[in-house]
Amino acid sequence: MEDWKVGFAFCGSFCTYDSAMAALEAVHRRWKDVTPIISERSAATDTRFGCAHDFMKEMQRICDKRPIDSILGAEPIGPKKLLDVLVICPCTGNTLAKLAAGVTDSSVTMAAKAHLRNGRPLVIAVATNDGLAGSAKNIGALMDKKNVYFVPFRQDDPTGKPTSLVADFSRIPETVEAAMEGRQVQPVLLGSI
């Protein structure tokens, strides 16, 4: 297991980046060879949760690799078989929709497409405000797709944001291990926080 090559892709959901960075640290401690990937939009967007440049610097510090931040940079993942498993954390509703529809218009969606062509596992850690609304159909479509696995998720604020879902990022290593065995961690739907 220590020799697995893991991709760890970030997109949107900036409010979860601190938790996602902690998950990236845990994955790197476990597998060492981790390639960070970030969507172009995330690589260029400063928010109230932090500066894009600072997040990218932190990804590089943790993984000792510059993040892949372009379609051109992500495309070789498939033909060169660069990864054994790819994690998308956080995975927004927008990215869920693109993955479900086969749209490849960012570094993250290209990484997923390129990786899945090799029949290797894609692990999704969802973080979206419309998981029980507009994104529900896309979650269902992806759950039915071969080689796609979900990190267990729950409603993060049932009263304030009744359709919002967030994965338990601390369960990413467990989900990666199960995915590499062809298993979905259960239960995938957790109780509320």
C-alpha atoms as a PDB file:
ATOM      1  CA  MET A   1       0.000   0.000   0.000  1.00  0.00           C
ATOM      2  CA  GLU A   2       2.831   2.440   0.714  1.00  0.00           C
ATOM      3  CA  ASP A   3       3.800   2.381  -2.964  1.00  0.00           C
ATOM      4  CA  TRP A   4       0.451   3.655  -4.245  1.00  0.00           C
ATOM      5  CA  LYS A   5       0.594   6.830  -6.277  1.00  0.00           C
ATOM      6  CA  VAL A   6      -2.264   9.058  -5.151  1.00  0.00           C
ATOM      7  CA  GLY A   7      -3.685  12.125  -6.864  1.00  0.00           C
ATOM      8  CA  PHE A   8      -5.445  14.640  -4.615  1.00  0.00           C
ATOM      9  CA  ALA A   9      -7.561  17.193  -6.492  1.00  0.00           C
ATOM     10  CA  PHE A  10      -9.055  20.394  -5.096  1.00  0.00           C
ATOM     11  CA  CYS A  11     -11.945  22.334  -6.582  1.00  0.00           C
ATOM     12  CA  GLY A  12     -14.208  25.094  -5.217  1.00  0.00           C
ATOM     13  CA  SER A  13     -15.871  24.805  -1.802  1.00  0.00           C
ATOM     14  CA  PHE A  14     -13.240  27.124  -0.353  1.00  0.00           C
ATOM     15  CA  CYS A  15     -14.821  26.996   3.110  1.00  0.00           C
ATOM     16  CA  THR A  16     -13.651  23.364   3.376  1.00  0.00           C
ATOM     17  CA  TYR A  17     -10.029  23.960   2.311  1.00  0.00           C
ATOM     18  CA  ASP A  18      -8.617  23.859   5.842  1.00  0.00           C
ATOM     19  CA  SER A  19     -10.207  20.433   6.390  1.00  0.00           C
ATOM     20  CA  ALA A  20      -9.129  19.325   2.912  1.00  0.00           C
ATOM     21  CA  MET A  21      -5.523  20.354   3.666  1.00  0.00           C
ATOM     22  CA  ALA A  22      -5.635  18.255   6.847  1.00  0.00           C
ATOM     23  CA  ALA A  23      -6.899  15.335   4.737  1.00  0.00           C
ATOM     24  CA  LEU A  24      -4.092  15.911   2.224  1.00  0.00           C
ATOM     25  CA  GLU A  25      -1.580  15.757   5.103  1.00  0.00           C
ATOM     26  CA  ALA A  26      -3.094  12.457   6.305  1.00  0.00           C
ATOM     27  CA  VAL A  27      -3.007  10.966   2.812  1.00  0.00           C
ATOM     28  CA  HIS A  28       0.602  12.080   2.326  1.00  0.00           C
ATOM     29  CA  ARG A  29       1.641  10.586   5.682  1.00  0.00           C
ATOM     30  CA  ARG A  30       0.070   7.296   4.627  1.00  0.00           C
ATOM     31  CA  TRP A  31       1.219   7.002   0.999  1.00  0.00           C
ATOM     32  CA  LYS A  32       4.049   9.532   0.483  1.00  0.00           C
ATOM     33  CA  ASP A  33       3.740   9.754  -3.339  1.00  0.00           C
ATOM     34  CA  VAL A  34       0.882  12.256  -3.614  1.00  0.00           C
ATOM     35  CA  THR A  35       0.316  14.564  -6.571  1.00  0.00           C
ATOM     36  CA  PRO A  36      -1.729  17.689  -5.815  1.00  0.00           C
ATOM     37  CA  ILE A  37      -4.141  18.898  -8.502  1.00  0.00           C
ATOM     38  CA  ILE A  38      -6.179  22.100  -8.401  1.00  0.00           C
ATOM     39  CA  SER A  39      -8.810  23.496 -10.733  1.00  0.00           C
ATOM     40  CA  GLU A  40      -7.825  26.587 -12.664  1.00  0.00           C
ATOM     41  CA  ARG A  41     -10.597  28.586 -11.007  1.00  0.00           C
ATOM     42  CA  SER A  42      -9.453  27.550  -7.525  1.00  0.00           C
ATOM     43  CA  ALA A  43      -5.822  28.308  -8.406  1.00  0.00           C
ATOM     44  CA  ALA A  44      -6.764  31.873  -9.315  1.00  0.00           C
ATOM     45  CA  THR A  45      -9.442  32.783  -6.766  1.00  0.00           C
ATOM     46  CA  ASP A  46      -8.754  34.542  -3.485  1.00  0.00           C
ATOM     47  CA  THR A  47     -11.670  34.329  -1.049  1.00  0.00           C
ATOM     48  CA  ARG A  48     -12.470  35.254   2.526  1.00  0.00           C
ATOM     49  CA  PHE A  49     -11.160  31.779   3.399  1.00  0.00           C
ATOM     50  CA  GLY A  50      -7.664  32.498   2.082  1.00  0.00           C
ATOM     51  CA  CYS A  51      -5.459  33.372  -0.864  1.00  0.00           C
ATOM     52  CA  ALA A  52      -5.157  30.922  -3.746  1.00  0.00           C
ATOM     53  CA  HIS A  53      -1.371  31.341  -3.830  1.00  0.00           C
ATOM     54  CA  ASP A  54      -1.114  30.410  -0.140  1.00  0.00           C
ATOM     55  CA  PHE A  55      -3.204  27.262  -0.632  1.00  0.00           C
ATOM     56  CA  MET A  56      -1.067  26.206  -3.582  1.00  0.00           C
ATOM     57  CA  LYS A  57       2.115  26.830  -1.608  1.00  0.00           C
ATOM     58  CA  GLU A  58       0.742  24.651   1.195  1.00  0.00           C
ATOM     59  CA  MET A  59      -0.125  21.842  -1.247  1.00  0.00           C
ATOM     60  CA  GLN A  60       3.409  21.987  -2.621  1.00  0.00           C
ATOM     61  CA  ARG A  61       4.909  22.000   0.880  1.00  0.00           C
ATOM     62  CA  ILE A  62       2.902  18.955   1.940  1.00  0.00           C
ATOM     63  CA  CYS A  63       3.509  16.905  -1.224  1.00  0.00           C
ATOM     64  CA  ASP A  64       6.886  18.305  -2.274  1.00  0.00           C
ATOM     65  CA  LYS A  65       5.409  18.646  -5.775  1.00  0.00           C
ATOM     66  CA  ARG A  66       4.029  21.636  -7.636  1.00  0.00           C
ATOM     67  CA  PRO A  67       0.250  21.270  -8.062  1.00  0.00           C
ATOM     68  CA  ILE A  68      -1.085  20.404 -11.492  1.00  0.00           C
ATOM     69  CA  ASP A  69      -3.235  23.403 -12.407  1.00  0.00           C
ATOM     70  CA  SER A  70      -4.078  23.015 -16.098  1.00  0.00           C
ATOM     71  CA  ILE A  71      -5.772  20.628 -18.503  1.00  0.00           C
ATOM     72  CA  LEU A  72      -2.450  20.273 -20.303  1.00  0.00           C
ATOM     73  CA  GLY A  73      -0.761  19.250 -17.049  1.00  0.00           C
ATOM     74  CA  ALA A  74      -3.514  16.750 -16.137  1.00  0.00           C
ATOM     75  CA  GLU A  75      -3.839  15.011 -19.513  1.00  0.00           C
ATOM     76  CA  PRO A  76      -0.738  12.754 -19.134  1.00  0.00           C
ATOM     77  CA  ILE A  77      -2.271  11.138 -16.026  1.00  0.00           C
ATOM     78  CA  GLY A  78      -4.081   8.675 -18.301  1.00  0.00           C
ATOM     79  CA  PRO A  79      -1.611   7.659 -20.974  1.00  0.00           C
ATOM     80  CA  LYS A  80       1.347   7.609 -18.585  1.00  0.00           C
ATOM     81  CA  LYS A  81      -0.694   5.837 -15.854  1.00  0.00           C
ATOM     82  CA  LEU A  82       0.636   8.294 -13.289  1.00  0.00           C
ATOM     83  CA  LEU A  83      -1.830   7.438 -10.486  1.00  0.00           C
ATOM     84  CA  ASP A  84      -3.161   4.343  -8.772  1.00  0.00           C
ATOM     85  CA  VAL A  85      -6.054   6.252  -7.209  1.00  0.00           C
ATOM     86  CA  LEU A  86      -7.420   9.791  -7.552  1.00  0.00           C
ATOM     87  CA  VAL A  87      -9.201  11.671  -4.763  1.00  0.00           C
ATOM     88  CA  ILE A  88     -11.294  14.782  -5.434  1.00  0.00           C
ATOM     89  CA  CYS A  89     -11.600  16.716  -2.170  1.00  0.00           C
ATOM     90  CA  PRO A  90     -13.563  18.901  -1.986  1.00  0.00           C
ATOM     91  CA  CYS A  91     -15.781  17.917  -4.901  1.00  0.00           C
ATOM     92  CA  THR A  92     -18.336  20.630  -5.603  1.00  0.00           C
ATOM     93  CA  GLY A  93     -21.783  20.273  -7.136  1.00  0.00           C
ATOM     94  CA  ASN A  94     -20.403  21.855 -10.300  1.00  0.00           C
ATOM     95  CA  THR A  95     -17.695  19.201 -10.586  1.00  0.00           C
ATOM     96  CA  LEU A  96     -20.177  16.426  -9.752  1.00  0.00           C
ATOM     97  CA  ALA A  97     -22.341  17.594 -12.655  1.00  0.00           C
ATOM     98  CA  LYS A  98     -19.390  17.685 -15.032  1.00  0.00           C
ATOM     99  CA  LEU A  99     -18.214  14.223 -13.994  1.00  0.00           C
ATOM    100  CA  ALA A 100     -21.726  12.783 -14.355  1.00  0.00           C
ATOM    101  CA  ALA A 101     -22.117  14.332 -17.814  1.00  0.00           C
ATOM    102  CA  GLY A 102     -18.595  13.518 -19.039  1.00  0.00           C
ATOM    103  CA  VAL A 103     -17.568  17.186 -19.337  1.00  0.00           C
ATOM    104  CA  THR A 104     -13.810  17.740 -19.368  1.00  0.00           C
ATOM    105  CA  ASP A 105     -13.116  21.460 -19.070  1.00  0.00           C
ATOM    106  CA  SER A 106     -10.761  21.811 -16.109  1.00  0.00           C
ATOM    107  CA  SER A 107      -7.615  20.267 -14.713  1.00  0.00           C
ATOM    108  CA  VAL A 108      -9.690  18.293 -12.189  1.00  0.00           C
ATOM    109  CA  THR A 109     -12.191  16.880 -14.682  1.00  0.00           C
ATOM    110  CA  MET A 110      -9.364  16.078 -17.116  1.00  0.00           C
ATOM    111  CA  ALA A 111      -7.470  14.300 -14.323  1.00  0.00           C
ATOM    112  CA  ALA A 112     -10.586  12.252 -13.534  1.00  0.00           C
ATOM    113  CA  LYS A 113     -11.278  11.374 -17.173  1.00  0.00           C
ATOM    114  CA  ALA A 114      -7.643  10.509 -17.859  1.00  0.00           C
ATOM    115  CA  HIS A 115      -7.421   8.417 -14.695  1.00  0.00           C
ATOM    116  CA  LEU A 116     -10.721   6.550 -15.175  1.00  0.00           C
ATOM    117  CA  ARG A 117      -9.724   5.463 -18.669  1.00  0.00           C
ATOM    118  CA  ASN A 118      -7.221   3.151 -16.968  1.00  0.00           C
ATOM    119  CA  GLY A 119      -9.970   1.451 -14.918  1.00  0.00           C
ATOM    120  CA  ARG A 120      -8.541   2.788 -11.666  1.00  0.00           C
ATOM    121  CA  PRO A 121     -10.536   4.122  -8.699  1.00  0.00           C
ATOM    122  CA  LEU A 122     -11.799   7.676  -8.346  1.00  0.00           C
ATOM    123  CA  VAL A 123     -12.684   8.690  -4.771  1.00  0.00           C
ATOM    124  CA  ILE A 124     -15.075  11.625  -4.348  1.00  0.00           C
ATOM    125  CA  ALA A 125     -15.327  13.669  -1.144  1.00  0.00           C
ATOM    126  CA  VAL A 126     -18.418  15.741  -1.825  1.00  0.00           C
ATOM    127  CA  ALA A 127     -18.896  19.280  -0.472  1.00  0.00           C
ATOM    128  CA  THR A 128     -21.908  21.034  -1.969  1.00  0.00           C
ATOM    129  CA  ASN A 129     -24.779  23.176  -0.768  1.00  0.00           C
ATOM    130  CA  ASP A 130     -27.191  21.470  -3.186  1.00  0.00           C
ATOM    131  CA  GLY A 131     -26.380  17.797  -2.554  1.00  0.00           C
ATOM    132  CA  LEU A 132     -29.989  17.020  -1.698  1.00  0.00           C
ATOM    133  CA  ALA A 133     -31.324  19.237  -4.473  1.00  0.00           C
ATOM    134  CA  GLY A 134     -29.798  19.857  -7.924  1.00  0.00           C
ATOM    135  CA  SER A 135     -26.712  17.696  -7.313  1.00  0.00           C
ATOM    136  CA  ALA A 136     -28.631  14.679  -5.998  1.00  0.00           C
ATOM    137  CA  LYS A 137     -29.135  13.205  -9.478  1.00  0.00           C
ATOM    138  CA  ASN A 138     -25.423  13.584 -10.237  1.00  0.00           C
ATOM    139  CA  ILE A 139     -24.432  11.859  -7.000  1.00  0.00           C
ATOM    140  CA  GLY A 140     -26.795   9.017  -7.936  1.00  0.00           C
ATOM    141  CA  ALA A 141     -25.381   8.783 -11.467  1.00  0.00           C
ATOM    142  CA  LEU A 142     -21.814   8.671 -10.156  1.00  0.00           C
ATOM    143  CA  MET A 143     -22.642   6.107  -7.469  1.00  0.00           C
ATOM    144  CA  ASP A 144     -23.796   3.845 -10.286  1.00  0.00           C
ATOM    145  CA  LYS A 145     -20.567   4.335 -12.262  1.00  0.00           C
ATOM    146  CA  LYS A 146     -17.823   1.722 -12.257  1.00  0.00           C
ATOM    147  CA  ASN A 147     -14.622   2.647 -10.378  1.00  0.00           C
ATOM    148  CA  VAL A 148     -16.207   5.668  -8.634  1.00  0.00           C
ATOM    149  CA  TYR A 149     -16.378   5.627  -4.825  1.00  0.00           C
ATOM    150  CA  PHE A 150     -17.689   8.150  -2.306  1.00  0.00           C
ATOM    151  CA  VAL A 151     -16.210   9.188   1.003  1.00  0.00           C
ATOM    152  CA  PRO A 152     -19.105   8.840   3.482  1.00  0.00           C
ATOM    153  CA  PHE A 153     -21.056  12.103   3.699  1.00  0.00           C
ATOM    154  CA  ARG A 154     -23.781  13.795   5.720  1.00  0.00           C
ATOM    155  CA  GLN A 155     -25.850  16.930   5.980  1.00  0.00           C
ATOM    156  CA  ASP A 156     -23.552  19.472   7.589  1.00  0.00           C
ATOM    157  CA  ASP A 157     -26.261  21.948   8.677  1.00  0.00           C
ATOM    158  CA  PRO A 158     -29.755  20.414   8.314  1.00  0.00           C
ATOM    159  CA  THR A 159     -31.507  23.485   9.743  1.00  0.00           C
ATOM    160  CA  GLY A 160     -29.516  26.323   8.150  1.00  0.00           C
ATOM    161  CA  LYS A 161     -28.661  24.571   4.864  1.00  0.00           C
ATOM    162  CA  PRO A 162     -31.102  21.658   4.494  1.00  0.00           C
ATOM    163  CA  THR A 163     -29.780  20.483   1.092  1.00  0.00           C
ATOM    164  CA  SER A 164     -26.053  20.774   1.902  1.00  0.00           C
ATOM    165  CA  LEU A 165     -23.813  17.681   2.031  1.00  0.00           C
ATOM    166  CA  VAL A 166     -20.185  17.363   3.145  1.00  0.00           C
ATOM    167  CA  ALA A 167     -18.028  14.252   3.238  1.00  0.00           C
ATOM    168  CA  ASP A 168     -16.207  13.213   6.393  1.00  0.00           C
ATOM    169  CA  PHE A 169     -12.731  14.084   5.108  1.00  0.00           C
ATOM    170  CA  SER A 170     -11.105  12.143   7.955  1.00  0.00           C
ATOM    171  CA  ARG A 171     -12.392   8.971   6.269  1.00  0.00           C
ATOM    172  CA  ILE A 172     -10.522   9.537   3.006  1.00  0.00           C
ATOM    173  CA  PRO A 173      -7.663   7.073   3.790  1.00  0.00           C
ATOM    174  CA  GLU A 174     -10.177   4.358   4.712  1.00  0.00           C
ATOM    175  CA  THR A 175     -12.172   5.039   1.537  1.00  0.00           C
ATOM    176  CA  VAL A 176      -9.031   4.952  -0.618  1.00  0.00           C
ATOM    177  CA  GLU A 177      -8.068   1.562   0.806  1.00  0.00           C
ATOM    178  CA  ALA A 178     -11.564   0.171   0.196  1.00  0.00           C
ATOM    179  CA  ALA A 179     -11.674   1.624  -3.327  1.00  0.00           C
ATOM    180  CA  MET A 180      -8.361  -0.035  -4.167  1.00  0.00           C
ATOM    181  CA  GLU A 181     -10.067  -3.316  -3.187  1.00  0.00           C
ATOM    182  CA  GLY A 182     -13.122  -2.457  -5.318  1.00  0.00           C
ATOM    183  CA  ARG A 183     -15.366  -1.780  -2.298  1.00  0.00           C
ATOM    184  CA  GLN A 184     -17.525   1.183  -1.315  1.00  0.00           C
ATOM    185  CA  VAL A 185     -17.185   2.086   2.374  1.00  0.00           C
ATOM    186  CA  GLN A 186     -20.536   1.699   4.126  1.00  0.00           C
ATOM    187  CA  PRO A 187     -22.628   3.345   5.259  1.00  0.00           C
ATOM    188  CA  VAL A 188     -22.020   6.014   2.657  1.00  0.00           C
ATOM    189  CA  LEU A 189     -24.791   8.218   4.079  1.00  0.00           C
ATOM    190  CA  LEU A 190     -24.031   9.247   7.666  1.00  0.00           C
ATOM    191  CA  GLY A 191     -26.239  10.886  10.275  1.00  0.00           C
ATOM    192  CA  SER A 192     -26.190  14.668  10.696  1.00  0.00           C
ATOM    193  CA  ILE A 193     -23.402  16.495  12.486  1.00  0.00           C
END
